[in-house]
N, C-alpha and C. Protein backbone atom coordinates (compact mmCIF):
# COMPACT_ATOMS: atom_id res chain seq x y z
N MET A 1 0.99 -1.21 0.12
CA MET A 1 -0.28 -0.13 -0.12
C MET A 1 0.75 1.41 0.11
N SER A 2 0.41 2.25 -0.30
CA SER A 2 0.91 3.19 -0.68
C SER A 2 1.16 4.39 0.35
N ARG A 3 1.57 5.40 0.06
CA ARG A 3 1.60 6.17 1.55
C ARG A 3 -0.08 6.83 1.80
N LEU A 4 -0.90 7.37 0.38
CA LEU A 4 -1.75 8.16 0.36
C LEU A 4 -3.22 7.18 0.38
N ASP A 5 -3.18 5.53 0.02
CA ASP A 5 -3.69 4.40 0.46
C ASP A 5 -4.05 4.48 1.88
N LYS A 6 -2.49 4.67 2.60
CA LYS A 6 -3.00 4.46 3.98
C LYS A 6 -3.71 5.08 4.14
N TRP A 7 -3.46 6.65 4.00
CA TRP A 7 -4.41 7.55 4.56
C TRP A 7 -5.66 7.60 4.78
N VAL A 8 -6.48 7.04 3.11
CA VAL A 8 -7.26 7.33 2.32
C VAL A 8 -7.83 6.08 3.37
N ALA A 9 -7.43 4.92 3.55
CA ALA A 9 -7.97 4.17 4.68
C ALA A 9 -8.15 4.31 6.16
N GLY A 10 -7.25 4.58 6.53
CA GLY A 10 -7.74 5.38 7.96
C GLY A 10 -8.28 6.60 8.36
N GLY A 11 -8.98 7.31 7.08
CA GLY A 11 -9.39 8.57 6.73
C GLY A 11 -10.71 7.67 7.00
N LEU A 12 -11.22 6.75 6.14
CA LEU A 12 -12.75 5.87 6.30
C LEU A 12 -12.78 5.33 7.46
N THR A 13 -11.78 4.85 8.11
CA THR A 13 -11.86 3.95 9.42
C THR A 13 -12.13 4.85 10.31
N VAL A 14 -11.62 5.91 10.53
CA VAL A 14 -12.04 7.12 11.52
C VAL A 14 -13.44 7.33 11.23
N GLY A 15 -13.67 7.78 10.35
CA GLY A 15 -15.23 8.01 9.85
C GLY A 15 -16.01 7.45 10.44
N ILE A 16 -15.87 6.05 9.70
CA ILE A 16 -17.33 5.35 10.27
C ILE A 16 -17.00 4.90 11.79
N ALA A 17 -15.67 5.25 12.50
CA ALA A 17 -16.07 4.88 13.93
C ALA A 17 -16.52 6.03 14.73
N VAL A 18 -16.38 7.62 14.08
CA VAL A 18 -16.97 8.36 14.88
C VAL A 18 -18.93 8.42 14.33
N ILE A 19 -18.77 7.44 13.25
CA ILE A 19 -20.60 7.56 13.01
C ILE A 19 -20.92 6.63 13.71
N LEU A 20 -20.29 5.43 13.99
CA LEU A 20 -21.06 4.60 14.98
C LEU A 20 -20.96 4.82 16.67
N LEU A 21 -19.78 5.69 16.72
CA LEU A 21 -20.12 6.60 18.17
C LEU A 21 -21.34 7.19 17.99
N GLY A 22 -21.49 8.65 17.32
CA GLY A 22 -22.47 8.72 16.97
C GLY A 22 -24.37 8.35 17.45
N VAL A 23 -23.79 7.52 16.90
CA VAL A 23 -24.98 6.24 16.62
C VAL A 23 -25.44 5.97 17.92
N LEU A 24 -25.01 5.49 18.42
CA LEU A 24 -24.40 4.95 20.34
C LEU A 24 -24.54 5.97 21.48
N ALA A 25 -24.23 7.30 20.67
CA ALA A 25 -24.30 8.29 22.17
C ALA A 25 -25.78 8.65 21.75
N ALA A 26 -26.39 8.46 20.20
CA ALA A 26 -27.88 9.14 20.10
C ALA A 26 -28.38 8.36 20.84
N ALA A 27 -28.55 7.15 20.94
CA ALA A 27 -29.46 6.02 21.00
C ALA A 27 -29.36 5.82 22.77
N ALA A 28 -28.29 6.58 23.41
CA ALA A 28 -27.93 6.42 25.16
C ALA A 28 -28.62 7.26 25.50
N PHE A 29 -28.54 8.77 24.58
CA PHE A 29 -29.20 9.42 25.18
C PHE A 29 -30.68 9.72 25.00
N ALA A 30 -31.49 9.10 23.87
CA ALA A 30 -32.81 9.91 22.96
C ALA A 30 -33.89 9.21 24.15
N ARG A 31 -34.42 10.10 23.80
CA ARG A 31 -36.40 9.98 25.10
C ARG A 31 -37.14 8.60 23.49
N ILE A 32 -37.65 7.83 23.96
CA ILE A 32 -38.51 7.03 23.48
C ILE A 32 -39.88 7.28 24.00
N PRO A 33 -40.55 7.47 22.80
CA PRO A 33 -42.12 7.77 22.83
C PRO A 33 -42.93 6.52 23.20
N VAL A 34 -43.55 6.66 24.27
CA VAL A 34 -44.22 5.26 24.69
C VAL A 34 -45.78 5.03 25.20
N ALA A 35 -46.58 4.27 24.62
CA ALA A 35 -47.93 3.94 24.85
C ALA A 35 -48.26 3.89 26.56
N HIS A 36 -47.84 3.21 26.61
CA HIS A 36 -48.14 2.16 28.28
C HIS A 36 -47.10 1.12 28.58
N ILE A 37 -46.73 0.79 30.05
CA ILE A 37 -45.91 -0.14 30.81
C ILE A 37 -46.66 -0.79 31.44
N TYR A 38 -46.59 -2.15 31.43
CA TYR A 38 -46.60 -2.76 32.71
C TYR A 38 -45.73 -3.01 33.76
N VAL A 39 -45.95 -2.96 35.00
CA VAL A 39 -45.12 -3.46 36.02
C VAL A 39 -45.19 -3.68 37.05
N ASP A 40 -44.46 -4.33 37.68
CA ASP A 40 -44.91 -5.19 39.16
C ASP A 40 -44.97 -4.32 39.90
N ALA A 41 -45.63 -4.68 41.21
CA ALA A 41 -45.98 -4.37 42.67
C ALA A 41 -45.23 -3.08 43.12
N ALA A 42 -43.62 -3.63 43.11
CA ALA A 42 -42.63 -2.37 43.30
C ALA A 42 -42.89 -1.57 42.55
N GLY A 43 -42.55 -1.28 41.15
CA GLY A 43 -42.66 -0.76 40.60
C GLY A 43 -44.45 0.36 40.39
N ALA A 44 -45.39 -0.17 40.63
CA ALA A 44 -46.60 0.37 40.82
C ALA A 44 -46.02 1.33 41.86
N ARG A 45 -45.47 0.55 42.99
CA ARG A 45 -45.53 1.35 44.34
C ARG A 45 -44.15 2.71 44.53
N ALA A 46 -43.92 2.89 43.46
CA ALA A 46 -42.62 4.10 42.75
C ALA A 46 -43.11 5.14 42.16
N ILE A 47 -44.08 4.35 40.87
CA ILE A 47 -45.09 4.96 40.26
C ILE A 47 -45.80 6.27 41.04
N ILE A 48 -46.70 5.50 42.14
CA ILE A 48 -47.51 5.64 42.61
C ILE A 48 -46.87 6.89 44.09
N VAL A 49 -45.85 7.04 44.20
CA VAL A 49 -45.27 7.54 45.19
C VAL A 49 -44.40 8.67 44.51
N GLY A 50 -44.30 8.67 42.96
CA GLY A 50 -43.63 9.51 42.45
C GLY A 50 -44.96 10.75 42.05
N GLY A 51 -46.48 10.36 42.59
CA GLY A 51 -47.03 11.31 42.24
C GLY A 51 -47.96 11.25 41.02
N HIS A 52 -48.46 9.84 40.16
CA HIS A 52 -48.67 9.13 38.83
C HIS A 52 -49.31 7.77 39.39
N GLN A 53 -50.52 7.70 38.25
CA GLN A 53 -51.43 6.58 38.30
C GLN A 53 -51.05 5.50 38.10
N ALA A 54 -51.06 3.95 38.43
CA ALA A 54 -50.72 3.00 38.58
C ALA A 54 -51.79 2.12 38.55
N ALA A 55 -52.55 1.33 37.58
CA ALA A 55 -54.16 1.45 37.65
C ALA A 55 -53.40 -0.24 37.52
N ALA A 56 -54.12 -1.49 38.37
CA ALA A 56 -54.45 -2.67 37.87
C ALA A 56 -54.70 -3.62 36.67
N ALA A 57 -54.00 -4.46 36.05
CA ALA A 57 -53.88 -4.72 34.73
C ALA A 57 -55.54 -5.05 34.67
N PRO A 58 -56.31 -5.68 34.00
CA PRO A 58 -57.70 -6.35 33.79
C PRO A 58 -56.71 -7.04 32.67
N ASP A 59 -55.89 -7.34 31.73
CA ASP A 59 -55.26 -7.97 31.16
C ASP A 59 -53.86 -9.14 31.88
N TRP A 60 -53.33 -8.44 33.07
CA TRP A 60 -52.66 -9.27 33.18
C TRP A 60 -52.74 -10.18 35.17
N PRO A 61 -52.83 -10.26 35.15
CA PRO A 61 -53.10 -10.44 36.82
C PRO A 61 -51.74 -10.56 37.58
N GLY A 62 -51.53 -9.50 38.10
CA GLY A 62 -50.51 -9.24 39.14
C GLY A 62 -49.72 -8.27 38.65
N ALA A 63 -49.80 -7.90 37.53
CA ALA A 63 -49.01 -6.51 36.86
C ALA A 63 -50.47 -5.37 37.18
N TYR A 64 -49.64 -3.95 37.20
CA TYR A 64 -49.96 -2.48 36.77
C TYR A 64 -49.80 -1.84 35.79
N ARG A 65 -50.84 -1.34 35.41
CA ARG A 65 -50.47 0.05 34.44
C ARG A 65 -50.25 1.32 34.26
N ALA A 66 -49.53 1.29 33.82
CA ALA A 66 -48.92 3.62 34.03
C ALA A 66 -49.03 3.97 32.24
N SER A 67 -49.61 4.99 32.10
CA SER A 67 -49.08 5.44 31.01
C SER A 67 -47.78 6.70 31.53
N PRO A 68 -46.38 6.62 31.18
CA PRO A 68 -45.55 7.40 30.75
C PRO A 68 -45.46 7.84 29.35
N ARG A 69 -45.22 9.12 29.30
CA ARG A 69 -45.40 10.28 28.08
C ARG A 69 -43.98 9.87 26.94
N SER A 70 -42.74 9.38 27.92
CA SER A 70 -41.79 9.17 27.40
C SER A 70 -40.69 8.30 28.17
N ALA A 71 -39.90 7.85 27.65
CA ALA A 71 -38.96 6.64 28.25
C ALA A 71 -37.08 6.75 27.99
N ALA A 72 -36.46 7.08 28.86
CA ALA A 72 -34.95 6.52 28.85
C ALA A 72 -34.45 5.64 28.70
N THR A 73 -34.59 4.67 27.82
CA THR A 73 -35.20 2.97 28.12
C THR A 73 -33.29 2.58 27.77
N ALA A 74 -32.20 3.01 26.88
CA ALA A 74 -31.74 2.17 26.18
C ALA A 74 -30.59 2.20 27.39
N PHE A 75 -29.92 1.00 26.88
CA PHE A 75 -28.50 0.54 28.09
C PHE A 75 -27.99 0.43 29.73
N TRP A 76 -29.20 1.09 30.32
CA TRP A 76 -29.36 1.37 31.85
C TRP A 76 -30.02 0.63 32.44
N PRO A 77 -29.14 0.08 33.89
CA PRO A 77 -30.08 -0.59 34.52
C PRO A 77 -31.29 -0.37 34.82
N SER A 78 -31.59 0.50 34.96
CA SER A 78 -33.02 1.42 35.35
C SER A 78 -33.68 2.28 34.39
N ALA A 79 -34.33 2.91 34.32
CA ALA A 79 -35.60 3.12 33.28
C ALA A 79 -35.91 4.48 33.27
N VAL A 80 -35.65 6.15 32.94
CA VAL A 80 -36.27 6.86 33.25
C VAL A 80 -38.05 7.09 32.90
N LEU A 81 -38.66 7.29 33.66
CA LEU A 81 -39.44 7.87 32.62
C LEU A 81 -40.64 9.25 32.61
N ASP A 82 -41.31 9.74 31.94
CA ASP A 82 -41.30 11.39 32.04
C ASP A 82 -42.68 10.53 31.58
N PHE A 83 -43.20 11.48 32.88
CA PHE A 83 -45.02 11.86 32.65
C PHE A 83 -45.40 12.98 32.32
N LYS A 84 -46.22 13.43 31.96
CA LYS A 84 -47.13 14.74 31.30
C LYS A 84 -47.43 15.28 31.97
N SER A 85 -47.39 15.38 33.54
CA SER A 85 -47.41 16.39 34.71
C SER A 85 -45.93 16.91 34.35
N GLY A 86 -44.75 16.69 34.46
CA GLY A 86 -43.61 16.87 34.58
C GLY A 86 -42.57 16.37 34.85
N ALA A 87 -43.43 15.78 35.86
CA ALA A 87 -42.09 14.94 37.39
C ALA A 87 -41.96 13.74 36.58
N SER A 88 -40.63 13.13 36.39
CA SER A 88 -39.83 12.03 35.98
C SER A 88 -39.96 10.85 36.98
N VAL A 89 -40.06 9.54 36.89
CA VAL A 89 -39.94 8.43 38.16
C VAL A 89 -38.85 7.33 37.58
N THR A 90 -37.63 7.35 38.02
CA THR A 90 -36.61 6.04 37.82
C THR A 90 -37.29 4.76 38.61
N LEU A 91 -37.29 3.82 37.79
CA LEU A 91 -37.71 2.34 38.02
C LEU A 91 -35.86 1.34 37.61
N PRO A 92 -36.35 0.36 38.65
CA PRO A 92 -35.30 -0.42 37.63
C PRO A 92 -35.65 -1.22 37.22
N ARG A 93 -34.60 -1.76 36.20
CA ARG A 93 -35.74 -2.37 34.83
C ARG A 93 -36.16 -3.42 35.43
N LYS A 94 -35.74 -4.45 36.17
CA LYS A 94 -36.25 -5.51 36.53
C LYS A 94 -38.03 -5.72 36.72
N ASP A 95 -38.34 -4.21 37.31
CA ASP A 95 -39.36 -3.44 37.47
C ASP A 95 -40.32 -3.76 36.77
N ILE A 96 -40.01 -3.99 35.25
CA ILE A 96 -41.05 -3.38 33.79
C ILE A 96 -41.13 -4.64 33.46
N LEU A 97 -42.13 -5.17 33.21
CA LEU A 97 -42.57 -6.64 32.32
C LEU A 97 -43.12 -5.95 31.55
N LEU A 98 -43.08 -5.37 30.94
CA LEU A 98 -43.65 -4.96 29.09
C LEU A 98 -43.48 -3.58 29.34
N TRP A 99 -43.02 -2.95 27.45
CA TRP A 99 -42.84 -1.66 27.07
C TRP A 99 -43.99 -1.99 26.17
N VAL A 100 -44.50 -0.72 25.81
CA VAL A 100 -45.54 -0.75 24.58
C VAL A 100 -45.44 0.71 23.68
N TYR A 101 -45.14 0.76 22.88
CA TYR A 101 -44.56 1.99 22.14
C TYR A 101 -45.36 2.62 21.14
N HIS A 102 -45.48 3.52 21.29
CA HIS A 102 -46.25 4.09 19.77
C HIS A 102 -45.33 4.04 18.57
N GLY A 103 -46.72 3.55 17.78
CA GLY A 103 -45.76 3.64 16.01
C GLY A 103 -45.53 2.48 16.45
């Protein structure tokens, strides 16, 4: 390989790495619209203590349903749920049984 070929290959490699890091950063900090979630009893208590409603799910015994506006869900051991009232609630991922996304 000539010197120019090495520079071109290096530039392409760096460009691809920057694009992949950008996608990873966008996924890590993006808010995803959520239609509703199903949580267990511990998650329901945390949501209720946060000042929001979590009702028993009629179609899933032992589960509770809540309707956050959006969530920061990527890669973290806990999920931050944003509700319409403006207050956020942080739940451990193990307390969330099912995510139902918009669209």
